[in-house]
Amino acid sequence: MTMENNSKNVLSSTLIAPQENSYVIFIKDEVIQGSNPNVKILPLPNAESSHIDDDNDEIISLVKFCSVCFLITFCTPLITCDLYFAYNDDTCVPLSADIKRYLEVSGYFGLTVLTLLTLGICCLPARNENLDPITVGVCILKTFSLLLFAFIFLWNIYGAVAFWGTVYEEGTCGKIVSTYLFISLIIKNVSGLIELAKIKRTRRM
């Protein structure tokens, strides 16, 4: 009688998933050692592990949100100023066409990279799940963003070489435009060098 009751209790608290030449027994908060080598005993997830997963999801979401806010806060002023001076400044008479083209390309490509990076961060899965379509999409976005970053990095080097001495030192443009170009070229090139160093460090790892 006792053996029959024990058998009913075990059956009522277990979930058996048959597989080829083996089976798996799931028991909540218990581990049963079996003599059959083809038997795997896996504990069911308990409330504590689910709570930990929820906490990890919240942390990852917070990190993603902070990353997006940092990118927008850092990049938006430069992009806005590039496009504003490209279409509204007429003080750089000798170099007006060249500076206009440089600022337009810099502003629009910066906006494109910011958009792609934001989408890439937002599309990252919260957990290490098998989400092949999302993973492929994120990889494509990252690859395209890296290509655009390489172009912008070289474009900013071109801007520094072409306009650094002419615009700022010789006073070819107005004071506001020349000061902005001077400061923005420093920020853009330093940021590009830092990002390039991070990419190299990541590939070595």
N, C-alpha and C. Protein backbone atom coordinates (compact mmCIF):
# COMPACT_ATOMS: atom_id res chain seq x y z
N MET A 1 0.83 -1.21 0.00
CA MET A 1 0.00 0.00 0.00
C MET A 1 0.86 1.25 0.00
N THR A 2 1.94 1.22 0.81
CA THR A 2 2.85 2.37 0.88
C THR A 2 3.57 2.59 -0.44
N MET A 3 4.03 1.52 -1.06
CA MET A 3 4.71 1.62 -2.35
C MET A 3 3.78 2.19 -3.41
N GLU A 4 2.50 1.84 -3.37
CA GLU A 4 1.55 2.34 -4.36
C GLU A 4 1.34 3.84 -4.19
N ASN A 5 1.26 4.31 -2.93
CA ASN A 5 1.08 5.74 -2.69
C ASN A 5 2.30 6.53 -3.13
N ASN A 6 3.50 6.00 -2.84
CA ASN A 6 4.73 6.67 -3.27
C ASN A 6 4.80 6.77 -4.78
N SER A 7 4.39 5.70 -5.44
CA SER A 7 4.41 5.71 -6.91
C SER A 7 3.47 6.77 -7.45
N LYS A 8 2.30 6.94 -6.84
CA LYS A 8 1.36 7.96 -7.30
C LYS A 8 1.90 9.36 -7.07
N ASN A 9 2.60 9.55 -5.92
CA ASN A 9 3.16 10.87 -5.63
C ASN A 9 4.24 11.24 -6.62
N VAL A 10 5.09 10.29 -6.97
CA VAL A 10 6.16 10.55 -7.92
C VAL A 10 5.58 10.90 -9.29
N LEU A 11 4.57 10.13 -9.70
CA LEU A 11 3.97 10.38 -11.01
C LEU A 11 3.25 11.73 -11.04
N SER A 12 2.67 12.13 -9.93
CA SER A 12 1.94 13.39 -9.92
C SER A 12 2.85 14.60 -9.88
N SER A 13 4.12 14.41 -9.46
CA SER A 13 5.04 15.56 -9.35
C SER A 13 6.11 15.56 -10.42
N THR A 14 5.97 14.70 -11.41
CA THR A 14 7.00 14.62 -12.45
C THR A 14 6.37 14.81 -13.81
N LEU A 15 7.23 15.22 -14.73
CA LEU A 15 6.83 15.37 -16.14
C LEU A 15 7.81 14.58 -16.97
N ILE A 16 7.35 13.60 -17.67
CA ILE A 16 8.22 12.72 -18.44
C ILE A 16 8.11 13.08 -19.90
N ALA A 17 9.26 13.43 -20.51
CA ALA A 17 9.30 13.77 -21.93
C ALA A 17 10.06 12.68 -22.66
N PRO A 18 9.40 11.76 -23.32
CA PRO A 18 10.09 10.65 -23.99
C PRO A 18 10.90 11.14 -25.17
N GLN A 19 12.09 10.56 -25.33
CA GLN A 19 12.95 10.81 -26.47
C GLN A 19 13.43 9.48 -27.01
N GLU A 20 14.20 9.57 -28.06
CA GLU A 20 14.69 8.34 -28.68
C GLU A 20 15.71 7.66 -27.77
N ASN A 21 15.40 6.42 -27.35
CA ASN A 21 16.28 5.60 -26.51
C ASN A 21 16.56 6.23 -25.15
N SER A 22 15.82 7.23 -24.73
CA SER A 22 16.04 7.84 -23.42
C SER A 22 14.80 8.63 -23.04
N TYR A 23 14.77 9.07 -21.81
CA TYR A 23 13.68 9.93 -21.37
C TYR A 23 14.23 10.90 -20.33
N VAL A 24 13.51 11.99 -20.12
CA VAL A 24 13.92 13.04 -19.20
C VAL A 24 12.86 13.21 -18.14
N ILE A 25 13.26 13.25 -16.88
CA ILE A 25 12.33 13.46 -15.77
C ILE A 25 12.59 14.83 -15.18
N PHE A 26 11.57 15.66 -15.12
CA PHE A 26 11.67 16.99 -14.52
C PHE A 26 10.98 16.95 -13.16
N ILE A 27 11.70 17.29 -12.11
CA ILE A 27 11.14 17.30 -10.76
C ILE A 27 11.45 18.63 -10.12
N LYS A 28 10.47 19.29 -9.60
CA LYS A 28 10.65 20.61 -9.01
C LYS A 28 11.38 20.50 -7.67
N ASP A 29 12.52 21.26 -7.58
CA ASP A 29 13.30 21.37 -6.34
C ASP A 29 13.81 20.02 -5.84
N GLU A 30 13.91 19.01 -6.70
CA GLU A 30 14.41 17.71 -6.28
C GLU A 30 15.32 17.16 -7.36
N VAL A 31 16.28 16.34 -6.92
CA VAL A 31 17.15 15.64 -7.86
C VAL A 31 17.12 14.17 -7.50
N ILE A 32 16.81 13.33 -8.46
CA ILE A 32 16.76 11.89 -8.25
C ILE A 32 17.87 11.24 -9.07
N GLN A 33 18.70 10.48 -8.43
CA GLN A 33 19.77 9.77 -9.10
C GLN A 33 19.24 8.45 -9.63
N GLY A 34 19.36 8.23 -10.91
CA GLY A 34 18.92 6.99 -11.52
C GLY A 34 20.09 6.13 -11.94
N SER A 35 19.87 4.87 -12.04
CA SER A 35 20.93 3.96 -12.45
C SER A 35 21.05 3.84 -13.96
N ASN A 36 20.02 4.23 -14.68
CA ASN A 36 20.04 4.14 -16.13
C ASN A 36 20.88 5.27 -16.70
N PRO A 37 21.96 5.00 -17.45
CA PRO A 37 22.81 6.08 -17.99
C PRO A 37 22.11 6.94 -19.02
N ASN A 38 21.00 6.45 -19.58
CA ASN A 38 20.27 7.24 -20.57
C ASN A 38 19.25 8.19 -19.96
N VAL A 39 19.19 8.23 -18.64
CA VAL A 39 18.21 9.07 -17.96
C VAL A 39 18.89 10.36 -17.51
N LYS A 40 18.28 11.50 -17.83
CA LYS A 40 18.78 12.80 -17.39
C LYS A 40 17.76 13.40 -16.43
N ILE A 41 18.24 13.85 -15.29
CA ILE A 41 17.38 14.47 -14.30
C ILE A 41 17.62 15.97 -14.33
N LEU A 42 16.62 16.72 -14.71
CA LEU A 42 16.74 18.17 -14.79
C LEU A 42 15.71 18.82 -13.88
N PRO A 43 16.15 19.72 -12.97
CA PRO A 43 15.19 20.38 -12.10
C PRO A 43 14.36 21.41 -12.86
N LEU A 44 13.11 21.51 -12.49
CA LEU A 44 12.26 22.54 -13.07
C LEU A 44 12.67 23.91 -12.55
N PRO A 45 12.53 24.96 -13.36
CA PRO A 45 12.85 26.30 -12.86
C PRO A 45 11.93 26.70 -11.72
N ASN A 46 12.52 27.25 -10.67
CA ASN A 46 11.73 27.67 -9.53
C ASN A 46 11.49 29.17 -9.57
N ALA A 47 10.78 29.65 -8.57
CA ALA A 47 10.42 31.07 -8.53
C ALA A 47 11.65 31.96 -8.39
N GLU A 48 12.67 31.48 -7.67
CA GLU A 48 13.87 32.29 -7.45
C GLU A 48 14.62 32.53 -8.76
N SER A 49 14.79 31.47 -9.59
CA SER A 49 15.49 31.64 -10.86
C SER A 49 14.72 32.55 -11.80
N SER A 50 13.38 32.46 -11.79
CA SER A 50 12.58 33.36 -12.63
C SER A 50 12.75 34.81 -12.20
N HIS A 51 12.84 35.01 -10.87
CA HIS A 51 13.03 36.38 -10.36
C HIS A 51 14.39 36.93 -10.79
N ILE A 52 15.42 36.09 -10.78
CA ILE A 52 16.76 36.52 -11.22
C ILE A 52 16.75 36.89 -12.70
N ASP A 53 16.06 36.08 -13.51
CA ASP A 53 15.97 36.39 -14.94
C ASP A 53 15.27 37.72 -15.18
N ASP A 54 14.22 37.98 -14.41
CA ASP A 54 13.51 39.26 -14.55
C ASP A 54 14.41 40.43 -14.18
N ASP A 55 15.22 40.26 -13.12
CA ASP A 55 16.15 41.32 -12.73
C ASP A 55 17.19 41.57 -13.81
N ASN A 56 17.69 40.49 -14.40
CA ASN A 56 18.68 40.64 -15.47
C ASN A 56 18.08 41.36 -16.68
N ASP A 57 16.83 41.03 -17.00
CA ASP A 57 16.15 41.71 -18.11
C ASP A 57 16.03 43.21 -17.85
N GLU A 58 15.71 43.57 -16.61
CA GLU A 58 15.57 44.98 -16.27
C GLU A 58 16.91 45.71 -16.36
N ILE A 59 17.98 45.05 -15.92
CA ILE A 59 19.32 45.66 -15.99
C ILE A 59 19.74 45.87 -17.44
N ILE A 60 19.52 44.84 -18.28
CA ILE A 60 19.88 44.95 -19.69
C ILE A 60 19.07 46.05 -20.38
N SER A 61 17.79 46.12 -20.07
CA SER A 61 16.95 47.18 -20.66
C SER A 61 17.43 48.56 -20.22
N LEU A 62 17.85 48.69 -18.96
CA LEU A 62 18.34 49.98 -18.47
C LEU A 62 19.64 50.37 -19.16
N VAL A 63 20.53 49.38 -19.35
CA VAL A 63 21.80 49.66 -20.04
C VAL A 63 21.54 50.08 -21.48
N LYS A 64 20.62 49.40 -22.15
CA LYS A 64 20.28 49.77 -23.53
C LYS A 64 19.70 51.18 -23.60
N PHE A 65 18.83 51.50 -22.66
CA PHE A 65 18.22 52.84 -22.64
C PHE A 65 19.28 53.92 -22.40
N CYS A 66 20.18 53.68 -21.45
CA CYS A 66 21.24 54.66 -21.17
C CYS A 66 22.18 54.82 -22.36
N SER A 67 22.47 53.72 -23.06
CA SER A 67 23.34 53.79 -24.23
C SER A 67 22.71 54.63 -25.34
N VAL A 68 21.43 54.42 -25.58
CA VAL A 68 20.73 55.20 -26.61
C VAL A 68 20.69 56.67 -26.22
N CYS A 69 20.40 56.96 -24.95
CA CYS A 69 20.36 58.36 -24.49
C CYS A 69 21.72 59.03 -24.65
N PHE A 70 22.80 58.29 -24.34
CA PHE A 70 24.14 58.86 -24.48
C PHE A 70 24.45 59.18 -25.94
N LEU A 71 24.13 58.24 -26.83
CA LEU A 71 24.39 58.47 -28.26
C LEU A 71 23.62 59.68 -28.77
N ILE A 72 22.35 59.76 -28.42
CA ILE A 72 21.54 60.89 -28.89
C ILE A 72 22.04 62.21 -28.32
N THR A 73 22.38 62.21 -27.03
CA THR A 73 22.86 63.44 -26.39
C THR A 73 24.18 63.91 -26.97
N PHE A 74 25.06 62.95 -27.29
CA PHE A 74 26.38 63.31 -27.78
C PHE A 74 26.37 63.69 -29.26
N CYS A 75 25.61 62.96 -30.06
CA CYS A 75 25.67 63.14 -31.52
C CYS A 75 24.72 64.20 -32.05
N THR A 76 23.57 64.35 -31.44
CA THR A 76 22.56 65.28 -31.98
C THR A 76 23.05 66.72 -32.11
N PRO A 77 23.73 67.30 -31.10
CA PRO A 77 24.20 68.69 -31.27
C PRO A 77 25.16 68.86 -32.45
N LEU A 78 26.08 67.92 -32.65
CA LEU A 78 27.02 68.02 -33.76
C LEU A 78 26.29 67.91 -35.10
N ILE A 79 25.37 66.95 -35.20
CA ILE A 79 24.63 66.77 -36.45
C ILE A 79 23.79 68.02 -36.76
N THR A 80 23.13 68.54 -35.73
CA THR A 80 22.29 69.73 -35.93
C THR A 80 23.12 70.93 -36.37
N CYS A 81 24.26 71.15 -35.72
CA CYS A 81 25.11 72.29 -36.08
C CYS A 81 25.70 72.13 -37.48
N ASP A 82 26.10 70.91 -37.82
CA ASP A 82 26.64 70.68 -39.17
C ASP A 82 25.62 71.09 -40.23
N LEU A 83 24.40 70.61 -40.08
CA LEU A 83 23.37 70.91 -41.08
C LEU A 83 22.94 72.38 -41.03
N TYR A 84 22.93 72.96 -39.84
CA TYR A 84 22.53 74.37 -39.74
C TYR A 84 23.53 75.27 -40.46
N PHE A 85 24.82 75.10 -40.16
CA PHE A 85 25.83 75.95 -40.80
C PHE A 85 25.97 75.64 -42.29
N ALA A 86 25.68 74.39 -42.67
CA ALA A 86 25.77 74.04 -44.09
C ALA A 86 24.75 74.82 -44.92
N TYR A 87 23.57 75.07 -44.36
CA TYR A 87 22.49 75.70 -45.13
C TYR A 87 22.24 77.17 -44.78
N ASN A 88 22.83 77.66 -43.68
CA ASN A 88 22.51 79.01 -43.24
C ASN A 88 23.70 79.95 -43.14
N ASP A 89 24.91 79.47 -43.36
CA ASP A 89 26.07 80.36 -43.24
C ASP A 89 26.57 80.77 -44.63
N ASP A 90 26.89 82.05 -44.77
CA ASP A 90 27.44 82.55 -46.03
C ASP A 90 28.68 83.41 -45.80
N THR A 91 29.36 83.20 -44.67
CA THR A 91 30.54 84.01 -44.36
C THR A 91 31.82 83.42 -44.94
N CYS A 92 31.82 82.13 -45.25
CA CYS A 92 33.03 81.48 -45.78
C CYS A 92 33.05 81.65 -47.30
N VAL A 93 33.32 82.86 -47.74
CA VAL A 93 33.21 83.17 -49.17
C VAL A 93 34.19 82.37 -50.03
N PRO A 94 35.49 82.35 -49.73
CA PRO A 94 36.41 81.63 -50.63
C PRO A 94 36.20 80.12 -50.61
N LEU A 95 35.76 79.60 -49.46
CA LEU A 95 35.62 78.15 -49.32
C LEU A 95 34.16 77.75 -49.11
N SER A 96 33.24 78.57 -49.55
CA SER A 96 31.82 78.33 -49.24
C SER A 96 31.34 76.97 -49.75
N ALA A 97 31.62 76.64 -51.00
CA ALA A 97 31.14 75.38 -51.58
C ALA A 97 31.77 74.18 -50.90
N ASP A 98 33.08 74.24 -50.64
CA ASP A 98 33.78 73.11 -50.02
C ASP A 98 33.29 72.86 -48.60
N ILE A 99 33.17 73.92 -47.82
CA ILE A 99 32.72 73.77 -46.44
C ILE A 99 31.26 73.32 -46.39
N LYS A 100 30.44 73.86 -47.28
CA LYS A 100 29.04 73.44 -47.34
C LYS A 100 28.93 71.95 -47.63
N ARG A 101 29.70 71.46 -48.61
CA ARG A 101 29.67 70.04 -48.94
C ARG A 101 30.18 69.19 -47.77
N TYR A 102 31.25 69.63 -47.14
CA TYR A 102 31.80 68.88 -46.00
C TYR A 102 30.78 68.77 -44.87
N LEU A 103 30.14 69.89 -44.53
CA LEU A 103 29.18 69.89 -43.43
C LEU A 103 27.93 69.08 -43.77
N GLU A 104 27.47 69.15 -45.01
CA GLU A 104 26.30 68.36 -45.43
C GLU A 104 26.57 66.87 -45.30
N VAL A 105 27.69 66.44 -45.87
CA VAL A 105 28.03 65.01 -45.82
C VAL A 105 28.22 64.56 -44.38
N SER A 106 28.92 65.37 -43.59
CA SER A 106 29.15 65.02 -42.20
C SER A 106 27.85 64.92 -41.42
N GLY A 107 26.94 65.86 -41.64
CA GLY A 107 25.67 65.85 -40.91
C GLY A 107 24.77 64.69 -41.29
N TYR A 108 24.60 64.44 -42.58
CA TYR A 108 23.69 63.37 -43.01
C TYR A 108 24.24 61.98 -42.70
N PHE A 109 25.54 61.80 -42.87
CA PHE A 109 26.10 60.49 -42.53
C PHE A 109 26.10 60.28 -41.02
N GLY A 110 26.33 61.33 -40.26
CA GLY A 110 26.23 61.20 -38.80
C GLY A 110 24.83 60.83 -38.36
N LEU A 111 23.83 61.41 -38.99
CA LEU A 111 22.44 61.07 -38.68
C LEU A 111 22.13 59.62 -39.04
N THR A 112 22.67 59.14 -40.16
CA THR A 112 22.45 57.75 -40.57
C THR A 112 23.08 56.78 -39.58
N VAL A 113 24.32 57.05 -39.18
CA VAL A 113 25.00 56.17 -38.23
C VAL A 113 24.28 56.18 -36.89
N LEU A 114 23.85 57.34 -36.43
CA LEU A 114 23.11 57.41 -35.16
C LEU A 114 21.83 56.59 -35.22
N THR A 115 21.11 56.67 -36.33
CA THR A 115 19.87 55.90 -36.47
C THR A 115 20.14 54.41 -36.47
N LEU A 116 21.16 53.97 -37.21
CA LEU A 116 21.46 52.54 -37.28
C LEU A 116 21.95 52.00 -35.94
N LEU A 117 22.79 52.76 -35.25
CA LEU A 117 23.27 52.31 -33.94
C LEU A 117 22.12 52.23 -32.94
N THR A 118 21.22 53.18 -32.98
CA THR A 118 20.07 53.15 -32.08
C THR A 118 19.19 51.94 -32.36
N LEU A 119 18.93 51.65 -33.63
CA LEU A 119 18.15 50.47 -33.99
C LEU A 119 18.86 49.19 -33.57
N GLY A 120 20.18 49.14 -33.78
CA GLY A 120 20.94 47.96 -33.39
C GLY A 120 20.87 47.70 -31.90
N ILE A 121 20.99 48.75 -31.09
CA ILE A 121 20.92 48.58 -29.64
C ILE A 121 19.52 48.16 -29.21
N CYS A 122 18.51 48.77 -29.77
CA CYS A 122 17.13 48.44 -29.40
C CYS A 122 16.74 47.03 -29.82
N CYS A 123 17.32 46.52 -30.89
CA CYS A 123 16.97 45.18 -31.39
C CYS A 123 17.75 44.06 -30.71
N LEU A 124 18.71 44.41 -29.88
CA LEU A 124 19.46 43.36 -29.19
C LEU A 124 18.54 42.59 -28.26
N PRO A 125 18.57 41.25 -28.29
CA PRO A 125 17.70 40.47 -27.39
C PRO A 125 18.12 40.65 -25.95
N ALA A 126 17.15 40.60 -25.04
CA ALA A 126 17.44 40.77 -23.62
C ALA A 126 18.18 39.58 -23.05
N ARG A 127 17.95 38.40 -23.61
CA ARG A 127 18.61 37.19 -23.13
C ARG A 127 19.32 36.51 -24.29
N ASN A 128 20.14 35.53 -23.93
CA ASN A 128 20.84 34.76 -24.96
C ASN A 128 19.90 33.70 -25.53
N GLU A 129 18.91 34.15 -26.23
CA GLU A 129 17.93 33.24 -26.81
C GLU A 129 18.27 32.96 -28.26
N ASN A 130 17.70 31.90 -28.78
CA ASN A 130 17.96 31.52 -30.16
C ASN A 130 17.00 32.28 -31.07
N LEU A 131 17.34 33.53 -31.35
CA LEU A 131 16.50 34.39 -32.19
C LEU A 131 17.28 34.70 -33.46
N ASP A 132 17.29 33.75 -34.38
CA ASP A 132 18.13 33.88 -35.57
C ASP A 132 17.80 35.10 -36.42
N PRO A 133 16.54 35.39 -36.73
CA PRO A 133 16.27 36.57 -37.58
C PRO A 133 16.75 37.86 -36.94
N ILE A 134 16.50 38.03 -35.63
CA ILE A 134 16.94 39.25 -34.96
C ILE A 134 18.45 39.32 -34.92
N THR A 135 19.11 38.19 -34.63
CA THR A 135 20.57 38.17 -34.56
C THR A 135 21.19 38.54 -35.90
N VAL A 136 20.66 38.00 -36.97
CA VAL A 136 21.16 38.33 -38.30
C VAL A 136 20.95 39.80 -38.61
N GLY A 137 19.77 40.32 -38.26
CA GLY A 137 19.50 41.73 -38.49
C GLY A 137 20.44 42.65 -37.74
N VAL A 138 20.73 42.29 -36.48
CA VAL A 138 21.66 43.10 -35.68
C VAL A 138 23.06 43.06 -36.28
N CYS A 139 23.48 41.89 -36.74
CA CYS A 139 24.81 41.77 -37.36
C CYS A 139 24.91 42.64 -38.62
N ILE A 140 23.85 42.64 -39.42
CA ILE A 140 23.85 43.48 -40.63
C ILE A 140 23.92 44.95 -40.26
N LEU A 141 23.14 45.37 -39.26
CA LEU A 141 23.16 46.76 -38.83
C LEU A 141 24.54 47.16 -38.31
N LYS A 142 25.16 46.27 -37.53
CA LYS A 142 26.49 46.58 -36.99
C LYS A 142 27.52 46.69 -38.10
N THR A 143 27.45 45.76 -39.07
CA THR A 143 28.41 45.80 -40.17
C THR A 143 28.25 47.08 -40.99
N PHE A 144 27.01 47.43 -41.30
CA PHE A 144 26.76 48.66 -42.07
C PHE A 144 27.19 49.89 -41.28
N SER A 145 26.95 49.88 -39.98
CA SER A 145 27.36 51.01 -39.14
C SER A 145 28.87 51.15 -39.10
N LEU A 146 29.58 50.02 -39.07
CA LEU A 146 31.05 50.08 -39.07
C LEU A 146 31.57 50.67 -40.38
N LEU A 147 30.94 50.30 -41.49
CA LEU A 147 31.36 50.86 -42.78
C LEU A 147 31.12 52.37 -42.82
N LEU A 148 29.97 52.79 -42.33
CA LEU A 148 29.69 54.23 -42.29
C LEU A 148 30.63 54.95 -41.34
N PHE A 149 30.94 54.30 -40.21
CA PHE A 149 31.89 54.91 -39.27
C PHE A 149 33.26 55.10 -39.92
N ALA A 150 33.70 54.09 -40.68
CA ALA A 150 35.00 54.21 -41.36
C ALA A 150 35.00 55.39 -42.33
N PHE A 151 33.89 55.55 -43.06
CA PHE A 151 33.81 56.67 -43.99
C PHE A 151 33.84 58.01 -43.26
N ILE A 152 33.04 58.12 -42.18
CA ILE A 152 32.99 59.37 -41.43
C ILE A 152 34.34 59.68 -40.80
N PHE A 153 35.02 58.65 -40.32
CA PHE A 153 36.35 58.85 -39.72
C PHE A 153 37.31 59.44 -40.74
N LEU A 154 37.34 58.88 -41.94
CA LEU A 154 38.20 59.40 -43.00
C LEU A 154 37.74 60.79 -43.46
N TRP A 155 36.43 60.99 -43.47
CA TRP A 155 35.89 62.29 -43.88
C TRP A 155 36.29 63.40 -42.90
N ASN A 156 36.29 63.08 -41.61
CA ASN A 156 36.71 64.07 -40.61
C ASN A 156 38.20 64.36 -40.69
N ILE A 157 38.99 63.35 -41.03
CA ILE A 157 40.42 63.60 -41.25
C ILE A 157 40.61 64.54 -42.44
N TYR A 158 39.84 64.30 -43.50
CA TYR A 158 39.89 65.21 -44.65
C TYR A 158 39.52 66.63 -44.24
N GLY A 159 38.47 66.78 -43.42
CA GLY A 159 38.06 68.10 -42.97
C GLY A 159 39.14 68.80 -42.17
N ALA A 160 39.82 68.04 -41.31
CA ALA A 160 40.89 68.64 -40.51
C ALA A 160 42.04 69.10 -41.39
N VAL A 161 42.40 68.27 -42.37
CA VAL A 161 43.52 68.63 -43.25
C VAL A 161 43.15 69.81 -44.14
N ALA A 162 41.93 69.84 -44.65
CA ALA A 162 41.53 70.86 -45.63
C ALA A 162 41.22 72.21 -44.99
N PHE A 163 40.61 72.20 -43.81
CA PHE A 163 40.08 73.46 -43.28
C PHE A 163 40.71 73.94 -41.98
N TRP A 164 41.54 73.14 -41.35
CA TRP A 164 42.05 73.50 -40.02
C TRP A 164 42.77 74.84 -40.05
N GLY A 165 43.83 74.94 -40.82
CA GLY A 165 44.61 76.16 -40.85
C GLY A 165 43.93 77.28 -41.61
N THR A 166 43.25 76.95 -42.68
CA THR A 166 42.65 77.99 -43.54
C THR A 166 41.50 78.70 -42.84
N VAL A 167 40.59 77.94 -42.24
CA VAL A 167 39.38 78.53 -41.67
C VAL A 167 39.67 79.23 -40.35
N TYR A 168 40.40 78.58 -39.46
CA TYR A 168 40.55 79.12 -38.11
C TYR A 168 41.65 80.17 -38.02
N GLU A 169 42.82 79.85 -38.54
CA GLU A 169 43.96 80.75 -38.37
C GLU A 169 43.89 81.95 -39.30
N GLU A 170 43.46 81.77 -40.53
CA GLU A 170 43.43 82.87 -41.49
C GLU A 170 42.14 83.68 -41.42
N GLY A 171 41.18 83.24 -40.64
CA GLY A 171 39.93 84.00 -40.49
C GLY A 171 39.12 84.06 -41.76
N THR A 172 39.12 82.98 -42.54
CA THR A 172 38.36 82.95 -43.79
C THR A 172 36.86 83.03 -43.54
N CYS A 173 36.39 82.40 -42.47
CA CYS A 173 34.96 82.38 -42.14
C CYS A 173 34.68 83.30 -40.96
N GLY A 174 33.38 83.43 -40.65
CA GLY A 174 32.99 84.20 -39.48
C GLY A 174 33.47 83.54 -38.20
N LYS A 175 33.46 84.30 -37.12
CA LYS A 175 34.00 83.80 -35.86
C LYS A 175 33.23 82.59 -35.35
N ILE A 176 31.91 82.64 -35.44
CA ILE A 176 31.10 81.53 -34.92
C ILE A 176 31.36 80.25 -35.70
N VAL A 177 31.37 80.35 -37.02
CA VAL A 177 31.58 79.16 -37.86
C VAL A 177 32.99 78.61 -37.68
N SER A 178 33.98 79.48 -37.68
CA SER A 178 35.36 79.02 -37.54
C SER A 178 35.59 78.36 -36.18
N THR A 179 35.01 78.94 -35.13
CA THR A 179 35.14 78.34 -33.79
C THR A 179 34.46 76.98 -33.74
N TYR A 180 33.27 76.89 -34.33
CA TYR A 180 32.56 75.61 -34.34
C TYR A 180 33.35 74.55 -35.11
N LEU A 181 33.85 74.90 -36.29
CA LEU A 181 34.63 73.95 -37.07
C LEU A 181 35.86 73.49 -36.30
N PHE A 182 36.53 74.41 -35.64
CA PHE A 182 37.73 74.08 -34.87
C PHE A 182 37.39 73.08 -33.76
N ILE A 183 36.36 73.39 -32.97
CA ILE A 183 36.00 72.53 -31.84
C ILE A 183 35.43 71.20 -32.32
N SER A 184 34.55 71.25 -33.33
CA SER A 184 33.91 70.02 -33.80
C SER A 184 34.91 69.06 -34.43
N LEU A 185 35.89 69.59 -35.15
CA LEU A 185 36.90 68.72 -35.74
C LEU A 185 37.72 68.02 -34.66
N ILE A 186 38.02 68.72 -33.57
CA ILE A 186 38.73 68.08 -32.46
C ILE A 186 37.88 66.97 -31.85
N ILE A 187 36.61 67.28 -31.56
CA ILE A 187 35.72 66.29 -30.95
C ILE A 187 35.53 65.08 -31.86
N LYS A 188 35.28 65.32 -33.13
CA LYS A 188 35.02 64.22 -34.06
C LYS A 188 36.24 63.32 -34.24
N ASN A 189 37.41 63.91 -34.40
CA ASN A 189 38.60 63.10 -34.62
C ASN A 189 39.03 62.36 -33.36
N VAL A 190 38.92 63.00 -32.20
CA VAL A 190 39.24 62.30 -30.96
C VAL A 190 38.26 61.16 -30.72
N SER A 191 36.97 61.41 -30.94
CA SER A 191 35.96 60.35 -30.79
C SER A 191 36.22 59.21 -31.76
N GLY A 192 36.60 59.54 -32.99
CA GLY A 192 36.91 58.50 -33.97
C GLY A 192 38.09 57.65 -33.56
N LEU A 193 39.12 58.27 -32.99
CA LEU A 193 40.29 57.52 -32.53
C LEU A 193 39.93 56.61 -31.36
N ILE A 194 39.10 57.11 -30.44
CA ILE A 194 38.68 56.29 -29.31
C ILE A 194 37.86 55.10 -29.79
N GLU A 195 36.93 55.33 -30.70
CA GLU A 195 36.11 54.24 -31.23
C GLU A 195 36.95 53.23 -32.00
N LEU A 196 37.93 53.71 -32.74
CA LEU A 196 38.82 52.81 -33.48
C LEU A 196 39.62 51.94 -32.52
N ALA A 197 40.09 52.52 -31.42
CA ALA A 197 40.83 51.74 -30.42
C ALA A 197 39.93 50.69 -29.78
N LYS A 198 38.66 51.03 -29.52
CA LYS A 198 37.73 50.06 -28.95
C LYS A 198 37.47 48.91 -29.91
N ILE A 199 37.34 49.21 -31.20
CA ILE A 199 37.11 48.15 -32.19
C ILE A 199 38.30 47.21 -32.26
N LYS A 200 39.51 47.75 -32.25
CA LYS A 200 40.71 46.91 -32.29
C LYS A 200 40.81 46.05 -31.05
N ARG A 201 40.48 46.62 -29.87
CA ARG A 201 40.55 45.85 -28.63
C ARG A 201 39.53 44.72 -28.64
N THR A 202 38.34 44.99 -29.18
CA THR A 202 37.30 43.97 -29.24
C THR A 202 37.71 42.82 -30.15
N ARG A 203 38.32 43.12 -31.27
CA ARG A 203 38.73 42.06 -32.20
C ARG A 203 39.85 41.21 -31.62
N ARG A 204 40.73 41.81 -30.82
CA ARG A 204 41.80 41.04 -30.20
C ARG A 204 41.25 40.07 -29.18
N MET A 205 40.19 40.47 -28.49
CA MET A 205 39.58 39.59 -27.50
C MET A 205 38.81 38.45 -28.18
